[in-house]
C-alpha atoms as a PDB file:
ATOM      1  CA  UNK A   1       5.050 -13.087  29.862  1.00  0.00           C
ATOM      2  CA  UNK A   2       8.537 -11.739  29.136  1.00  0.00           C
ATOM      3  CA  UNK A   3       9.250  -9.715  26.019  1.00  0.00           C
ATOM      4  CA  UNK A   4      12.921  -9.434  25.036  1.00  0.00           C
ATOM      5  CA  UNK A   5      12.816  -8.976  21.280  1.00  0.00           C
ATOM      6  CA  UNK A   6       9.795  -9.354  19.011  1.00  0.00           C
ATOM      7  CA  UNK A   7       9.538  -8.699  15.271  1.00  0.00           C
ATOM      8  CA  UNK A   8       6.110  -8.921  13.680  1.00  0.00           C
ATOM      9  CA  UNK A   9       5.243  -8.334  10.046  1.00  0.00           C
ATOM     10  CA  UNK A  10       5.664  -4.582  10.348  1.00  0.00           C
ATOM     11  CA  UNK A  11       6.699  -3.760  13.936  1.00  0.00           C
ATOM     12  CA  UNK A  12       9.857  -4.493  15.935  1.00  0.00           C
ATOM     13  CA  UNK A  13      10.070  -4.435  19.728  1.00  0.00           C
ATOM     14  CA  UNK A  14      13.023  -4.785  22.056  1.00  0.00           C
ATOM     15  CA  UNK A  15      13.136  -4.411  25.822  1.00  0.00           C
ATOM     16  CA  UNK A  16      16.252  -2.377  26.568  1.00  0.00           C
ATOM     17  CA  UNK A  17      18.261  -2.132  29.781  1.00  0.00           C
ATOM     18  CA  UNK A  18      16.363   0.072  32.189  1.00  0.00           C
ATOM     19  CA  UNK A  19      12.998  -1.669  31.606  1.00  0.00           C
ATOM     20  CA  UNK A  20      12.118   0.431  28.552  1.00  0.00           C
ATOM     21  CA  UNK A  21      10.458  -1.268  25.574  1.00  0.00           C
ATOM     22  CA  UNK A  22      11.399   0.315  22.243  1.00  0.00           C
ATOM     23  CA  UNK A  23       8.679  -0.273  19.646  1.00  0.00           C
ATOM     24  CA  UNK A  24       9.682   0.639  16.077  1.00  0.00           C
ATOM     25  CA  UNK A  25       7.284   0.936  13.130  1.00  0.00           C
ATOM     26  CA  UNK A  26      10.209   0.148  10.865  1.00  0.00           C
ATOM     27  CA  UNK A  27       9.101  -2.744   8.667  1.00  0.00           C
ATOM     28  CA  UNK A  28       6.925  -0.927   6.141  1.00  0.00           C
ATOM     29  CA  UNK A  29       6.958   2.090   3.802  1.00  0.00           C
ATOM     30  CA  UNK A  30       9.231   4.852   5.116  1.00  0.00           C
ATOM     31  CA  UNK A  31       6.205   7.076   5.778  1.00  0.00           C
ATOM     32  CA  UNK A  32       4.719   4.385   8.054  1.00  0.00           C
ATOM     33  CA  UNK A  33       1.042   4.213   7.032  1.00  0.00           C
ATOM     34  CA  UNK A  34      -1.205   2.150   9.292  1.00  0.00           C
ATOM     35  CA  UNK A  35      -3.269  -0.613   7.728  1.00  0.00           C
ATOM     36  CA  UNK A  36      -5.890  -2.475   9.742  1.00  0.00           C
ATOM     37  CA  UNK A  37      -3.514  -5.413  10.140  1.00  0.00           C
ATOM     38  CA  UNK A  38      -0.776  -3.138  11.436  1.00  0.00           C
ATOM     39  CA  UNK A  39      -3.113  -1.479  13.914  1.00  0.00           C
ATOM     40  CA  UNK A  40      -4.119  -4.889  15.240  1.00  0.00           C
ATOM     41  CA  UNK A  41      -0.449  -5.914  15.523  1.00  0.00           C
ATOM     42  CA  UNK A  42       0.343  -2.830  17.578  1.00  0.00           C
ATOM     43  CA  UNK A  43      -2.711  -3.331  19.787  1.00  0.00           C
ATOM     44  CA  UNK A  44      -1.674  -6.910  20.584  1.00  0.00           C
ATOM     45  CA  UNK A  45       1.921  -5.882  21.247  1.00  0.00           C
ATOM     46  CA  UNK A  46       0.907  -3.091  23.622  1.00  0.00           C
ATOM     47  CA  UNK A  47      -1.269  -5.523  25.581  1.00  0.00           C
ATOM     48  CA  UNK A  48       1.647  -7.965  25.773  1.00  0.00           C
ATOM     49  CA  UNK A  49       3.954  -5.232  27.049  1.00  0.00           C
ATOM     50  CA  UNK A  50       1.378  -4.240  29.640  1.00  0.00           C
ATOM     51  CA  UNK A  51       1.533  -7.785  31.006  1.00  0.00           C
ATOM     52  CA  UNK A  52       5.331  -7.865  31.119  1.00  0.00           C
ATOM     53  CA  UNK A  53       6.669  -7.094  34.600  1.00  0.00           C
ATOM     54  CA  UNK A  54      10.067  -6.365  33.033  1.00  0.00           C
ATOM     55  CA  UNK A  55       8.653  -3.330  31.189  1.00  0.00           C
ATOM     56  CA  UNK A  56       7.994  -0.058  32.982  1.00  0.00           C
ATOM     57  CA  UNK A  57       7.755   2.338  30.041  1.00  0.00           C
ATOM     58  CA  UNK A  58       7.191   2.069  26.274  1.00  0.00           C
ATOM     59  CA  UNK A  59       8.723   4.274  23.571  1.00  0.00           C
ATOM     60  CA  UNK A  60       7.023   4.380  20.157  1.00  0.00           C
ATOM     61  CA  UNK A  61       9.295   5.331  17.251  1.00  0.00           C
ATOM     62  CA  UNK A  62       9.000   5.377  13.483  1.00  0.00           C
ATOM     63  CA  UNK A  63      12.581   4.259  12.871  1.00  0.00           C
ATOM     64  CA  UNK A  64      15.684   6.204  11.864  1.00  0.00           C
ATOM     65  CA  UNK A  65      14.954   8.709   9.107  1.00  0.00           C
ATOM     66  CA  UNK A  66      11.315   7.607   8.879  1.00  0.00           C
ATOM     67  CA  UNK A  67       8.010   9.282   9.636  1.00  0.00           C
ATOM     68  CA  UNK A  68       6.236   8.437  12.876  1.00  0.00           C
ATOM     69  CA  UNK A  69       3.052   7.683  10.945  1.00  0.00           C
ATOM     70  CA  UNK A  70       1.500   9.089   7.776  1.00  0.00           C
ATOM     71  CA  UNK A  71      -2.090   8.143   8.558  1.00  0.00           C
ATOM     72  CA  UNK A  72      -4.197   5.224   7.412  1.00  0.00           C
ATOM     73  CA  UNK A  73      -3.160   3.014   4.496  1.00  0.00           C
ATOM     74  CA  UNK A  74      -4.818   4.671   1.497  1.00  0.00           C
ATOM     75  CA  UNK A  75      -4.308   1.549  -0.614  1.00  0.00           C
ATOM     76  CA  UNK A  76      -6.714  -0.155   1.763  1.00  0.00           C
ATOM     77  CA  UNK A  77      -9.025   2.667   2.809  1.00  0.00           C
ATOM     78  CA  UNK A  78      -9.570   3.949  -0.750  1.00  0.00           C
ATOM     79  CA  UNK A  79     -11.442   0.722  -1.478  1.00  0.00           C
ATOM     80  CA  UNK A  80     -14.054   1.358   1.208  1.00  0.00           C
ATOM     81  CA  UNK A  81     -17.648   1.793   0.042  1.00  0.00           C
ATOM     82  CA  UNK A  82     -19.282   3.040   3.226  1.00  0.00           C
ATOM     83  CA  UNK A  83     -20.507  -0.300   4.568  1.00  0.00           C
ATOM     84  CA  UNK A  84     -19.543  -2.802   7.234  1.00  0.00           C
ATOM     85  CA  UNK A  85     -15.851  -2.466   6.395  1.00  0.00           C
ATOM     86  CA  UNK A  86     -15.999   1.065   7.824  1.00  0.00           C
ATOM     87  CA  UNK A  87     -17.332  -0.247  11.136  1.00  0.00           C
ATOM     88  CA  UNK A  88     -14.570  -2.861  11.329  1.00  0.00           C
ATOM     89  CA  UNK A  89     -11.948  -0.178  10.589  1.00  0.00           C
ATOM     90  CA  UNK A  90     -13.306   2.096  13.307  1.00  0.00           C
ATOM     91  CA  UNK A  91     -13.316  -0.827  15.741  1.00  0.00           C
ATOM     92  CA  UNK A  92      -9.619  -1.434  15.016  1.00  0.00           C
ATOM     93  CA  UNK A  93      -8.844   2.266  15.439  1.00  0.00           C
ATOM     94  CA  UNK A  94     -10.761   2.495  18.720  1.00  0.00           C
ATOM     95  CA  UNK A  95      -9.131  -0.637  20.093  1.00  0.00           C
ATOM     96  CA  UNK A  96      -5.673   0.702  19.221  1.00  0.00           C
ATOM     97  CA  UNK A  97      -6.155   4.158  20.708  1.00  0.00           C
ATOM     98  CA  UNK A  98      -7.889   2.965  23.866  1.00  0.00           C
ATOM     99  CA  UNK A  99      -5.173   0.343  24.377  1.00  0.00           C
ATOM    100  CA  UNK A 100      -2.256   2.772  24.026  1.00  0.00           C
ATOM    101  CA  UNK A 101      -3.935   5.278  26.341  1.00  0.00           C
ATOM    102  CA  UNK A 102      -5.364   2.619  28.639  1.00  0.00           C
ATOM    103  CA  UNK A 103      -2.496   0.266  29.500  1.00  0.00           C
ATOM    104  CA  UNK A 104      -0.819   0.740  32.865  1.00  0.00           C
ATOM    105  CA  UNK A 105       2.640   1.463  31.415  1.00  0.00           C
ATOM    106  CA  UNK A 106       3.458   5.068  30.410  1.00  0.00           C
ATOM    107  CA  UNK A 107       4.101   5.620  26.694  1.00  0.00           C
ATOM    108  CA  UNK A 108       6.484   8.111  25.063  1.00  0.00           C
ATOM    109  CA  UNK A 109       6.198   9.046  21.373  1.00  0.00           C
ATOM    110  CA  UNK A 110       9.425   9.835  19.485  1.00  0.00           C
ATOM    111  CA  UNK A 111       8.220  11.750  16.428  1.00  0.00           C
ATOM    112  CA  UNK A 112      10.287  12.396  13.321  1.00  0.00           C
ATOM    113  CA  UNK A 113       9.051  13.235   9.841  1.00  0.00           C
ATOM    114  CA  UNK A 114       5.281  13.305   9.577  1.00  0.00           C
ATOM    115  CA  UNK A 115       2.633  12.485  12.156  1.00  0.00           C
ATOM    116  CA  UNK A 116      -0.537  12.685  10.078  1.00  0.00           C
ATOM    117  CA  UNK A 117      -4.100  11.640  10.890  1.00  0.00           C
ATOM    118  CA  UNK A 118      -3.902   8.205  12.500  1.00  0.00           C
ATOM    119  CA  UNK A 119      -0.192   8.779  13.186  1.00  0.00           C
ATOM    120  CA  UNK A 120      -0.885  12.001  15.070  1.00  0.00           C
ATOM    121  CA  UNK A 121      -3.780  10.386  16.906  1.00  0.00           C
ATOM    122  CA  UNK A 122      -1.508   7.557  18.077  1.00  0.00           C
ATOM    123  CA  UNK A 123       0.866  10.212  19.412  1.00  0.00           C
ATOM    124  CA  UNK A 124      -2.015  11.943  21.203  1.00  0.00           C
ATOM    125  CA  UNK A 125      -2.610   8.713  23.129  1.00  0.00           C
ATOM    126  CA  UNK A 126       0.917   8.905  24.562  1.00  0.00           C
ATOM    127  CA  UNK A 127       1.955  10.571  27.812  1.00  0.00           C
ATOM    128  CA  UNK A 128       4.933  12.454  26.366  1.00  0.00           C
ATOM    129  CA  UNK A 129       5.501  13.513  22.757  1.00  0.00           C
ATOM    130  CA  UNK A 130       9.120  14.271  21.845  1.00  0.00           C
ATOM    131  CA  UNK A 131       9.538  15.664  18.343  1.00  0.00           C
ATOM    132  CA  UNK A 132      12.519  16.267  16.102  1.00  0.00           C
ATOM    133  CA  UNK A 133      13.069  19.787  14.820  1.00  0.00           C
ATOM    134  CA  UNK A 134      12.054  18.591  11.346  1.00  0.00           C
ATOM    135  CA  UNK A 135       8.808  16.887  12.416  1.00  0.00           C
ATOM    136  CA  UNK A 136       5.451  18.021  11.064  1.00  0.00           C
ATOM    137  CA  UNK A 137       2.062  17.308  12.630  1.00  0.00           C
ATOM    138  CA  UNK A 138      -1.083  17.358  10.488  1.00  0.00           C
ATOM    139  CA  UNK A 139      -4.773  16.515  10.912  1.00  0.00           C
ATOM    140  CA  UNK A 140      -5.891  16.643   7.237  1.00  0.00           C
ATOM    141  CA  UNK A 141      -9.068  14.553   7.367  1.00  0.00           C
ATOM    142  CA  UNK A 142     -11.392  17.218   5.938  1.00  0.00           C
ATOM    143  CA  UNK A 143      -9.001  17.858   3.064  1.00  0.00           C
ATOM    144  CA  UNK A 144      -8.932  14.140   2.297  1.00  0.00           C
ATOM    145  CA  UNK A 145     -12.720  13.904   2.516  1.00  0.00           C
ATOM    146  CA  UNK A 146     -13.297  11.902   5.701  1.00  0.00           C
ATOM    147  CA  UNK A 147     -14.728  12.684   9.122  1.00  0.00           C
ATOM    148  CA  UNK A 148     -12.542  13.642  12.073  1.00  0.00           C
ATOM    149  CA  UNK A 149     -14.446  12.524  15.166  1.00  0.00           C
ATOM    150  CA  UNK A 150     -11.429  10.997  16.891  1.00  0.00           C
ATOM    151  CA  UNK A 151      -9.066  13.799  15.943  1.00  0.00           C
ATOM    152  CA  UNK A 152     -11.503  16.462  17.097  1.00  0.00           C
ATOM    153  CA  UNK A 153     -12.084  14.782  20.446  1.00  0.00           C
ATOM    154  CA  UNK A 154      -8.418  14.054  21.064  1.00  0.00           C
ATOM    155  CA  UNK A 155      -7.123  17.495  20.123  1.00  0.00           C
ATOM    156  CA  UNK A 156      -9.729  19.310  22.187  1.00  0.00           C
ATOM    157  CA  UNK A 157      -9.056  17.094  25.198  1.00  0.00           C
ATOM    158  CA  UNK A 158      -5.262  17.197  24.978  1.00  0.00           C
ATOM    159  CA  UNK A 159      -4.493  20.750  23.795  1.00  0.00           C
ATOM    160  CA  UNK A 160      -7.773  22.684  23.759  1.00  0.00           C
ATOM    161  CA  UNK A 161     -10.626  23.775  21.551  1.00  0.00           C
ATOM    162  CA  UNK A 162      -8.908  26.629  19.730  1.00  0.00           C
ATOM    163  CA  UNK A 163      -5.978  24.509  18.521  1.00  0.00           C
ATOM    164  CA  UNK A 164      -8.401  21.732  17.584  1.00  0.00           C
ATOM    165  CA  UNK A 165     -10.483  24.106  15.474  1.00  0.00           C
ATOM    166  CA  UNK A 166      -7.400  25.528  13.802  1.00  0.00           C
ATOM    167  CA  UNK A 167      -5.966  22.118  12.912  1.00  0.00           C
ATOM    168  CA  UNK A 168      -9.250  20.628  11.685  1.00  0.00           C
ATOM    169  CA  UNK A 169     -10.410  23.529   9.557  1.00  0.00           C
ATOM    170  CA  UNK A 170      -7.089  24.575   8.051  1.00  0.00           C
ATOM    171  CA  UNK A 171      -5.673  21.040   7.541  1.00  0.00           C
ATOM    172  CA  UNK A 172      -2.296  22.799   7.762  1.00  0.00           C
ATOM    173  CA  UNK A 173       1.073  21.406   8.783  1.00  0.00           C
ATOM    174  CA  UNK A 174       2.235  22.241  12.296  1.00  0.00           C
ATOM    175  CA  UNK A 175       6.057  22.450  12.208  1.00  0.00           C
ATOM    176  CA  UNK A 176       7.874  21.419  15.366  1.00  0.00           C
ATOM    177  CA  UNK A 177       8.216  24.833  16.980  1.00  0.00           C
ATOM    178  CA  UNK A 178       4.561  25.686  16.478  1.00  0.00           C
ATOM    179  CA  UNK A 179       3.598  22.236  17.765  1.00  0.00           C
ATOM    180  CA  UNK A 180       5.727  22.869  20.848  1.00  0.00           C
ATOM    181  CA  UNK A 181       4.121  26.263  21.430  1.00  0.00           C
ATOM    182  CA  UNK A 182       0.651  24.692  21.171  1.00  0.00           C
ATOM    183  CA  UNK A 183       1.725  21.802  23.476  1.00  0.00           C
ATOM    184  CA  UNK A 184       1.178  19.168  20.820  1.00  0.00           C
ATOM    185  CA  UNK A 185       4.828  18.367  21.553  1.00  0.00           C
ATOM    186  CA  UNK A 186       6.414  18.449  25.004  1.00  0.00           C
ATOM    187  CA  UNK A 187       9.956  18.837  23.710  1.00  0.00           C
ATOM    188  CA  UNK A 188      11.822  19.381  20.422  1.00  0.00           C
ATOM    189  CA  UNK A 189      15.297  17.978  19.719  1.00  0.00           C
ATOM    190  CA  UNK A 190      17.640  17.734  16.727  1.00  0.00           C
ATOM    191  CA  UNK A 191      16.745  14.685  14.611  1.00  0.00           C
ATOM    192  CA  UNK A 192      19.961  12.858  15.515  1.00  0.00           C
ATOM    193  CA  UNK A 193      19.156  13.180  19.232  1.00  0.00           C
ATOM    194  CA  UNK A 194      15.472  12.281  19.057  1.00  0.00           C
ATOM    195  CA  UNK A 195      15.549   8.597  19.935  1.00  0.00           C
ATOM    196  CA  UNK A 196      18.082   8.921  22.738  1.00  0.00           C
ATOM    197  CA  UNK A 197      16.135  11.787  24.266  1.00  0.00           C
ATOM    198  CA  UNK A 198      12.898   9.793  24.165  1.00  0.00           C
ATOM    199  CA  UNK A 199      14.684   6.813  25.721  1.00  0.00           C
ATOM    200  CA  UNK A 200      16.094   9.114  28.417  1.00  0.00           C
ATOM    201  CA  UNK A 201      12.538  10.058  29.333  1.00  0.00           C
ATOM    202  CA  UNK A 202      11.553   6.393  29.308  1.00  0.00           C
ATOM    203  CA  UNK A 203      14.447   5.392  31.577  1.00  0.00           C
ATOM    204  CA  UNK A 204      13.662   8.213  33.989  1.00  0.00           C
ATOM    205  CA  UNK A 205      10.017   7.167  34.207  1.00  0.00           C
ATOM    206  CA  UNK A 206      11.036   3.528  34.645  1.00  0.00           C
ATOM    207  CA  UNK A 207      13.025   4.469  37.771  1.00  0.00           C
ATOM    208  CA  UNK A 208       9.900   5.673  39.549  1.00  0.00           C
ATOM    209  CA  UNK A 209       7.925   3.301  41.758  1.00  0.00           C
ATOM    210  CA  UNK A 210       5.985   1.155  39.299  1.00  0.00           C
ATOM    211  CA  UNK A 211       2.922   0.764  41.503  1.00  0.00           C
ATOM    212  CA  UNK A 212       2.620   4.526  41.906  1.00  0.00           C
ATOM    213  CA  UNK A 213       3.039   5.309  38.212  1.00  0.00           C
ATOM    214  CA  UNK A 214       0.822   2.548  36.897  1.00  0.00           C
ATOM    215  CA  UNK A 215      -2.070   3.130  39.293  1.00  0.00           C
ATOM    216  CA  UNK A 216      -1.950   6.864  38.569  1.00  0.00           C
ATOM    217  CA  UNK A 217      -1.937   6.411  34.787  1.00  0.00           C
ATOM    218  CA  UNK A 218      -5.158   4.465  34.978  1.00  0.00           C
ATOM    219  CA  UNK A 219      -6.761   7.227  36.996  1.00  0.00           C
ATOM    220  CA  UNK A 220      -5.639  10.197  34.894  1.00  0.00           C
ATOM    221  CA  UNK A 221      -6.274   8.479  31.543  1.00  0.00           C
ATOM    222  CA  UNK A 222      -9.537   6.770  32.467  1.00  0.00           C
ATOM    223  CA  UNK A 223     -11.879   9.586  31.339  1.00  0.00           C
ATOM    224  CA  UNK A 224      -9.890  10.008  28.108  1.00  0.00           C
ATOM    225  CA  UNK A 225     -10.205   6.314  27.280  1.00  0.00           C
ATOM    226  CA  UNK A 226     -13.917   6.371  28.063  1.00  0.00           C
ATOM    227  CA  UNK A 227     -14.280   9.290  25.667  1.00  0.00           C
ATOM    228  CA  UNK A 228     -12.482   7.392  22.906  1.00  0.00           C
ATOM    229  CA  UNK A 229     -14.891   4.511  23.334  1.00  0.00           C
ATOM    230  CA  UNK A 230     -17.869   6.874  23.158  1.00  0.00           C
ATOM    231  CA  UNK A 231     -16.549   8.262  19.877  1.00  0.00           C
ATOM    232  CA  UNK A 232     -16.546   4.733  18.389  1.00  0.00           C
ATOM    233  CA  UNK A 233     -20.237   4.645  17.427  1.00  0.00           C
ATOM    234  CA  UNK A 234     -20.540   8.241  16.257  1.00  0.00           C
ATOM    235  CA  UNK A 235     -17.349   7.727  14.275  1.00  0.00           C
ATOM    236  CA  UNK A 236     -18.868   4.764  12.457  1.00  0.00           C
ATOM    237  CA  UNK A 237     -21.845   6.833  11.382  1.00  0.00           C
ATOM    238  CA  UNK A 238     -19.786   9.839  10.291  1.00  0.00           C
ATOM    239  CA  UNK A 239     -17.303   7.743   8.320  1.00  0.00           C
ATOM    240  CA  UNK A 240     -20.024   5.673   6.663  1.00  0.00           C
ATOM    241  CA  UNK A 241     -21.601   8.925   5.473  1.00  0.00           C
ATOM    242  CA  UNK A 242     -18.286  10.312   4.226  1.00  0.00           C
ATOM    243  CA  UNK A 243     -17.220   7.150   2.387  1.00  0.00           C
ATOM    244  CA  UNK A 244     -20.687   6.648   0.895  1.00  0.00           C
ATOM    245  CA  UNK A 245     -20.291  10.001  -0.844  1.00  0.00           C
ATOM    246  CA  UNK A 246     -17.333   8.575  -2.796  1.00  0.00           C
ATOM    247  CA  UNK A 247     -15.212  11.717  -2.868  1.00  0.00           C
ATOM    248  CA  UNK A 248     -12.763  10.541  -0.200  1.00  0.00           C
ATOM    249  CA  UNK A 249     -11.830   7.455  -2.198  1.00  0.00           C
ATOM    250  CA  UNK A 250     -11.156   9.556  -5.300  1.00  0.00           C
ATOM    251  CA  UNK A 251      -8.925  11.932  -3.357  1.00  0.00           C
ATOM    252  CA  UNK A 252      -6.994   9.068  -1.757  1.00  0.00           C
ATOM    253  CA  UNK A 253      -6.438   7.376  -5.124  1.00  0.00           C
ATOM    254  CA  UNK A 254      -5.063  10.614  -6.540  1.00  0.00           C
ATOM    255  CA  UNK A 255      -2.677  10.905  -3.579  1.00  0.00           C
ATOM    256  CA  UNK A 256      -1.279   7.392  -4.082  1.00  0.00           C
ATOM    257  CA  UNK A 257      -1.253   7.710  -7.874  1.00  0.00           C
ATOM    258  CA  UNK A 258      -4.073   5.283  -8.632  1.00  0.00           C
ATOM    259  CA  UNK A 259      -6.382   7.794 -10.273  1.00  0.00           C
END
């Protein structure tokens, strides 16, 4: 399979010189929420890129002047009742995260604007997270009224228990410099330099010996991916309980102006 340029309903992908695939979440609302359909699109695309010998690194980007990802699509999720639709949603989330973290090609996140909830969790599946100086990272699940099994596991594994506890229980925004200090971000750049800096990292990685990089990624990310898959079932139970209470839906509808 060879990917040169692909545009799906809400995602664009182009393989650039240097064997770097640029994936842009640029065909939706400027805050880039993730519906179930969009998560499935990204999962399929990442699998396709993994099978493309012309790709050695992937850069995920929200698009110029757009957020990296503002969480799940509240228009969709606010209609949940706590039944089988929750299980299907968690399956899509698990498949997406385990695919991004589990493919053989390294992945760089270029983060501008907000990375909230699902958006932040996508970034936590990446090998490098480059943020603009105006980016803000948030894990607000408790404030919204839903469980945070994935976020808790990912934050504790990637940056440690203390930061995880702080983010989950305050639901506060982490501005770029604080995110850098806590290692949620590996580097901070001016907004106008963000994409080029992320692509620089991608091109540098792509120059390494592919066999060495790709075999190592599987080894170092294997336990993390296994953990994500373990969270799948407990996440279904926790989210069913939260959505059955009904408060989360009310809060989401207020946020999107439907209540």
